[in-house]
Amino acid sequence: MAYAALSDLLTMKIPNWLTGGLAVVFPVIALLVGMDISALINHILAGIVLLAAGVAMFVPGWMGAGDAKLLAGIGLWFGWGTALIDFLLLTAVAGGGLTLVILVIRSIPLPTFALSWDWLQRLHNKKKGIPYGIALAGAGLLVYPTSGIGHALLSLAN
């Protein structure tokens, strides 16, 4: 998640290998923690619904493709339940705050020393979107320890 946030900040892209990795690793971890088939289906359905929601937001340009895929990947790990609700609410709040901060930054001219920083030029460009992957990843990291699969992994570690 930290890599996704940093990548989105610096390049405004979230690598496909990262979101694909979330999907590939999930069933392995689910088996490791002894998740039953109904819970596994619950998690897969959450990922599918969030992918559909992400695509629906991508089509009109409200969200980037990488953000939509990351949303689905995180949803896969949380499944339906309070962790997913907490994640979505925290993402909305963090994303709103992030958007406001970036809009303020975009209204202020960049200092001369920062004009050669490509990532800051992209972030400052009013024609570019908001790197929403930062909010998604941050919320995912904060909620994960309280999620069912997060608890199960912590139990295995102890």
C-alpha atoms as a PDB file:
ATOM      1  CA  MET A   1       0.000   0.000   0.000  1.00  0.00           C
ATOM      2  CA  ALA A   2       2.813   2.383   0.814  1.00  0.00           C
ATOM      3  CA  TYR A   3       4.357   1.679  -2.595  1.00  0.00           C
ATOM      4  CA  ALA A   4       1.007   2.290  -4.318  1.00  0.00           C
ATOM      5  CA  ALA A   5       0.648   5.653  -2.564  1.00  0.00           C
ATOM      6  CA  LEU A   6       4.207   6.703  -3.353  1.00  0.00           C
ATOM      7  CA  SER A   7       3.933   5.560  -6.957  1.00  0.00           C
ATOM      8  CA  ASP A   8       0.689   7.489  -7.427  1.00  0.00           C
ATOM      9  CA  LEU A   9       2.206  10.597  -5.860  1.00  0.00           C
ATOM     10  CA  LEU A  10       5.382  10.505  -7.964  1.00  0.00           C
ATOM     11  CA  THR A  11       4.067   9.153 -11.289  1.00  0.00           C
ATOM     12  CA  MET A  12       0.265   9.357 -11.068  1.00  0.00           C
ATOM     13  CA  LYS A  13       0.252   5.655 -11.908  1.00  0.00           C
ATOM     14  CA  ILE A  14      -0.318   2.540  -9.833  1.00  0.00           C
ATOM     15  CA  PRO A  15       1.473  -0.472 -11.337  1.00  0.00           C
ATOM     16  CA  ASN A  16      -0.675  -3.342 -12.592  1.00  0.00           C
ATOM     17  CA  TRP A  17       1.702  -5.831 -10.948  1.00  0.00           C
ATOM     18  CA  LEU A  18       0.814  -4.344  -7.572  1.00  0.00           C
ATOM     19  CA  THR A  19      -2.951  -4.567  -7.952  1.00  0.00           C
ATOM     20  CA  GLY A  20      -2.594  -7.951  -9.638  1.00  0.00           C
ATOM     21  CA  GLY A  21      -0.418  -9.058  -6.742  1.00  0.00           C
ATOM     22  CA  LEU A  22      -3.183  -8.173  -4.293  1.00  0.00           C
ATOM     23  CA  ALA A  23      -5.536 -10.477  -6.197  1.00  0.00           C
ATOM     24  CA  VAL A  24      -3.015 -13.315  -6.580  1.00  0.00           C
ATOM     25  CA  VAL A  25      -1.778 -13.321  -2.979  1.00  0.00           C
ATOM     26  CA  PHE A  26      -5.232 -13.061  -1.393  1.00  0.00           C
ATOM     27  CA  PRO A  27      -6.350 -16.699  -1.935  1.00  0.00           C
ATOM     28  CA  VAL A  28      -3.019 -17.953  -0.587  1.00  0.00           C
ATOM     29  CA  ILE A  29      -3.417 -15.916   2.602  1.00  0.00           C
ATOM     30  CA  ALA A  30      -7.114 -16.883   2.831  1.00  0.00           C
ATOM     31  CA  LEU A  31      -6.133 -20.554   2.783  1.00  0.00           C
ATOM     32  CA  LEU A  32      -3.324 -19.918   5.266  1.00  0.00           C
ATOM     33  CA  VAL A  33      -5.705 -18.372   7.809  1.00  0.00           C
ATOM     34  CA  GLY A  34      -8.334 -21.076   7.237  1.00  0.00           C
ATOM     35  CA  MET A  35     -10.994 -18.917   5.615  1.00  0.00           C
ATOM     36  CA  ASP A  36     -14.093 -20.955   4.793  1.00  0.00           C
ATOM     37  CA  ILE A  37     -15.693 -20.973   1.346  1.00  0.00           C
ATOM     38  CA  SER A  38     -18.576 -18.641   2.268  1.00  0.00           C
ATOM     39  CA  ALA A  39     -16.155 -16.030   3.611  1.00  0.00           C
ATOM     40  CA  LEU A  40     -13.973 -16.457   0.516  1.00  0.00           C
ATOM     41  CA  ILE A  41     -16.996 -15.835  -1.724  1.00  0.00           C
ATOM     42  CA  ASN A  42     -17.906 -12.820   0.433  1.00  0.00           C
ATOM     43  CA  HIS A  43     -14.452 -11.324  -0.183  1.00  0.00           C
ATOM     44  CA  ILE A  44     -14.484 -12.085  -3.908  1.00  0.00           C
ATOM     45  CA  LEU A  45     -17.918 -10.478  -4.298  1.00  0.00           C
ATOM     46  CA  ALA A  46     -16.720  -7.354  -2.482  1.00  0.00           C
ATOM     47  CA  GLY A  47     -13.778  -7.116  -4.875  1.00  0.00           C
ATOM     48  CA  ILE A  48     -16.030  -7.567  -7.918  1.00  0.00           C
ATOM     49  CA  VAL A  49     -18.551  -4.959  -6.733  1.00  0.00           C
ATOM     50  CA  LEU A  50     -15.794  -2.456  -5.990  1.00  0.00           C
ATOM     51  CA  LEU A  51     -14.201  -3.147  -9.379  1.00  0.00           C
ATOM     52  CA  ALA A  52     -17.551  -2.390 -11.019  1.00  0.00           C
ATOM     53  CA  ALA A  53     -17.872   0.789  -8.931  1.00  0.00           C
ATOM     54  CA  GLY A  54     -14.313   1.782  -9.832  1.00  0.00           C
ATOM     55  CA  VAL A  55     -14.966   1.227 -13.542  1.00  0.00           C
ATOM     56  CA  ALA A  56     -18.174   3.256 -13.240  1.00  0.00           C
ATOM     57  CA  MET A  57     -16.099   6.113 -11.767  1.00  0.00           C
ATOM     58  CA  PHE A  58     -13.315   5.662 -14.333  1.00  0.00           C
ATOM     59  CA  VAL A  59     -15.541   5.929 -17.411  1.00  0.00           C
ATOM     60  CA  PRO A  60     -16.596   9.574 -16.787  1.00  0.00           C
ATOM     61  CA  GLY A  61     -13.050  10.428 -15.616  1.00  0.00           C
ATOM     62  CA  TRP A  62     -13.775  10.699 -11.896  1.00  0.00           C
ATOM     63  CA  MET A  63     -11.103   8.142 -11.015  1.00  0.00           C
ATOM     64  CA  GLY A  64      -8.024   6.755 -12.725  1.00  0.00           C
ATOM     65  CA  ALA A  65      -7.818   3.155 -13.915  1.00  0.00           C
ATOM     66  CA  GLY A  66      -5.111   2.322 -11.371  1.00  0.00           C
ATOM     67  CA  ASP A  67      -7.234   3.764  -8.574  1.00  0.00           C
ATOM     68  CA  ALA A  68     -10.223   1.659  -9.705  1.00  0.00           C
ATOM     69  CA  LYS A  69      -8.116  -1.514  -9.697  1.00  0.00           C
ATOM     70  CA  LEU A  70      -6.568  -0.677  -6.323  1.00  0.00           C
ATOM     71  CA  LEU A  71     -10.052  -0.077  -4.879  1.00  0.00           C
ATOM     72  CA  ALA A  72     -11.103  -3.548  -6.042  1.00  0.00           C
ATOM     73  CA  GLY A  73      -7.933  -5.174  -4.716  1.00  0.00           C
ATOM     74  CA  ILE A  74      -8.395  -3.649  -1.291  1.00  0.00           C
ATOM     75  CA  GLY A  75     -12.071  -4.624  -1.279  1.00  0.00           C
ATOM     76  CA  LEU A  76     -11.055  -8.208  -1.995  1.00  0.00           C
ATOM     77  CA  TRP A  77      -8.998  -8.245   1.193  1.00  0.00           C
ATOM     78  CA  PHE A  78     -11.708  -6.670   3.366  1.00  0.00           C
ATOM     79  CA  GLY A  79     -14.829  -8.462   2.128  1.00  0.00           C
ATOM     80  CA  TRP A  80     -18.305  -7.285   3.115  1.00  0.00           C
ATOM     81  CA  GLY A  81     -18.418  -6.017   6.666  1.00  0.00           C
ATOM     82  CA  THR A  82     -17.389  -3.248   8.991  1.00  0.00           C
ATOM     83  CA  ALA A  83     -13.774  -3.168   7.787  1.00  0.00           C
ATOM     84  CA  LEU A  84     -14.968  -2.384   4.256  1.00  0.00           C
ATOM     85  CA  ILE A  85     -17.329   0.319   5.525  1.00  0.00           C
ATOM     86  CA  ASP A  86     -14.545   1.808   7.661  1.00  0.00           C
ATOM     87  CA  PHE A  87     -12.213   1.705   4.660  1.00  0.00           C
ATOM     88  CA  LEU A  88     -14.704   3.400   2.323  1.00  0.00           C
ATOM     89  CA  LEU A  89     -15.549   6.130   4.849  1.00  0.00           C
ATOM     90  CA  LEU A  90     -11.910   6.785   5.672  1.00  0.00           C
ATOM     91  CA  THR A  91     -11.045   6.824   1.954  1.00  0.00           C
ATOM     92  CA  ALA A  92     -13.784   9.392   1.289  1.00  0.00           C
ATOM     93  CA  VAL A  93     -12.587  11.665   4.099  1.00  0.00           C
ATOM     94  CA  ALA A  94      -8.903  11.283   3.216  1.00  0.00           C
ATOM     95  CA  GLY A  95      -9.625  11.702  -0.489  1.00  0.00           C
ATOM     96  CA  GLY A  96     -11.613  14.874   0.142  1.00  0.00           C
ATOM     97  CA  GLY A  97      -8.809  16.281   2.276  1.00  0.00           C
ATOM     98  CA  LEU A  98      -6.193  15.277  -0.282  1.00  0.00           C
ATOM     99  CA  THR A  99      -8.192  16.926  -3.063  1.00  0.00           C
ATOM    100  CA  LEU A 100      -8.519  20.176  -1.114  1.00  0.00           C
ATOM    101  CA  VAL A 101      -4.795  20.258  -0.327  1.00  0.00           C
ATOM    102  CA  ILE A 102      -3.863  19.647  -3.962  1.00  0.00           C
ATOM    103  CA  LEU A 103      -6.309  22.297  -5.201  1.00  0.00           C
ATOM    104  CA  VAL A 104      -4.736  24.813  -2.809  1.00  0.00           C
ATOM    105  CA  ILE A 105      -1.231  23.807  -3.925  1.00  0.00           C
ATOM    106  CA  ARG A 106      -2.302  24.196  -7.563  1.00  0.00           C
ATOM    107  CA  SER A 107      -3.464  27.754  -6.879  1.00  0.00           C
ATOM    108  CA  ILE A 108       0.006  28.770  -5.662  1.00  0.00           C
ATOM    109  CA  PRO A 109       2.910  29.166  -8.136  1.00  0.00           C
ATOM    110  CA  LEU A 110       5.688  26.629  -7.693  1.00  0.00           C
ATOM    111  CA  PRO A 111       8.953  27.979  -6.315  1.00  0.00           C
ATOM    112  CA  THR A 112      11.759  28.228  -8.862  1.00  0.00           C
ATOM    113  CA  PHE A 113      13.838  25.457  -7.279  1.00  0.00           C
ATOM    114  CA  ALA A 114      10.927  22.991  -7.717  1.00  0.00           C
ATOM    115  CA  LEU A 115      10.274  23.719 -11.404  1.00  0.00           C
ATOM    116  CA  SER A 116      12.542  20.862 -12.493  1.00  0.00           C
ATOM    117  CA  TRP A 117      10.766  18.248 -10.359  1.00  0.00           C
ATOM    118  CA  ASP A 118       8.644  16.264 -12.829  1.00  0.00           C
ATOM    119  CA  TRP A 119       6.448  14.689 -10.149  1.00  0.00           C
ATOM    120  CA  LEU A 120       5.616  18.073  -8.642  1.00  0.00           C
ATOM    121  CA  GLN A 121       4.916  19.530 -12.086  1.00  0.00           C
ATOM    122  CA  ARG A 122       2.395  16.715 -12.678  1.00  0.00           C
ATOM    123  CA  LEU A 123       0.832  17.207  -9.264  1.00  0.00           C
ATOM    124  CA  HIS A 124       0.624  20.965  -9.816  1.00  0.00           C
ATOM    125  CA  ASN A 125      -0.905  20.673 -13.301  1.00  0.00           C
ATOM    126  CA  LYS A 126      -4.578  21.722 -13.136  1.00  0.00           C
ATOM    127  CA  LYS A 127      -5.356  19.484 -16.117  1.00  0.00           C
ATOM    128  CA  LYS A 128      -4.236  16.369 -14.263  1.00  0.00           C
ATOM    129  CA  GLY A 129      -6.349  14.348 -11.873  1.00  0.00           C
ATOM    130  CA  ILE A 130      -5.873  13.792  -8.175  1.00  0.00           C
ATOM    131  CA  PRO A 131      -3.638  10.867  -7.126  1.00  0.00           C
ATOM    132  CA  TYR A 132      -6.484   9.205  -5.229  1.00  0.00           C
ATOM    133  CA  GLY A 133      -4.390   6.078  -4.728  1.00  0.00           C
ATOM    134  CA  ILE A 134      -2.788   7.935  -1.821  1.00  0.00           C
ATOM    135  CA  ALA A 135      -6.133   8.080   0.000  1.00  0.00           C
ATOM    136  CA  LEU A 136      -7.008   4.490  -0.945  1.00  0.00           C
ATOM    137  CA  ALA A 137      -3.674   3.118   0.230  1.00  0.00           C
ATOM    138  CA  GLY A 138      -3.611   5.180   3.413  1.00  0.00           C
ATOM    139  CA  ALA A 139      -7.119   4.104   4.391  1.00  0.00           C
ATOM    140  CA  GLY A 140      -6.290   0.496   3.515  1.00  0.00           C
ATOM    141  CA  LEU A 141      -3.230   0.540   5.750  1.00  0.00           C
ATOM    142  CA  LEU A 142      -5.121   2.084   8.650  1.00  0.00           C
ATOM    143  CA  VAL A 143      -8.077  -0.305   8.466  1.00  0.00           C
ATOM    144  CA  TYR A 144      -6.216  -3.537   7.649  1.00  0.00           C
ATOM    145  CA  PRO A 145      -5.115  -4.365  11.211  1.00  0.00           C
ATOM    146  CA  THR A 146      -8.755  -4.236  12.370  1.00  0.00           C
ATOM    147  CA  SER A 147     -10.059  -6.392   9.497  1.00  0.00           C
ATOM    148  CA  GLY A 148     -10.902 -10.074   9.839  1.00  0.00           C
ATOM    149  CA  ILE A 149      -7.981 -11.220   7.704  1.00  0.00           C
ATOM    150  CA  GLY A 150      -5.664  -8.772   9.472  1.00  0.00           C
ATOM    151  CA  HIS A 151      -6.648 -10.230  12.856  1.00  0.00           C
ATOM    152  CA  ALA A 152      -6.232 -13.774  11.546  1.00  0.00           C
ATOM    153  CA  LEU A 153      -2.717 -13.072  10.274  1.00  0.00           C
ATOM    154  CA  LEU A 154      -1.749 -11.423  13.548  1.00  0.00           C
ATOM    155  CA  SER A 155      -3.017 -14.495  15.409  1.00  0.00           C
ATOM    156  CA  LEU A 156      -0.840 -16.743  13.238  1.00  0.00           C
ATOM    157  CA  ALA A 157       2.192 -14.518  13.897  1.00  0.00           C
ATOM    158  CA  ASN A 158       1.689 -14.762  17.635  1.00  0.00           C
END
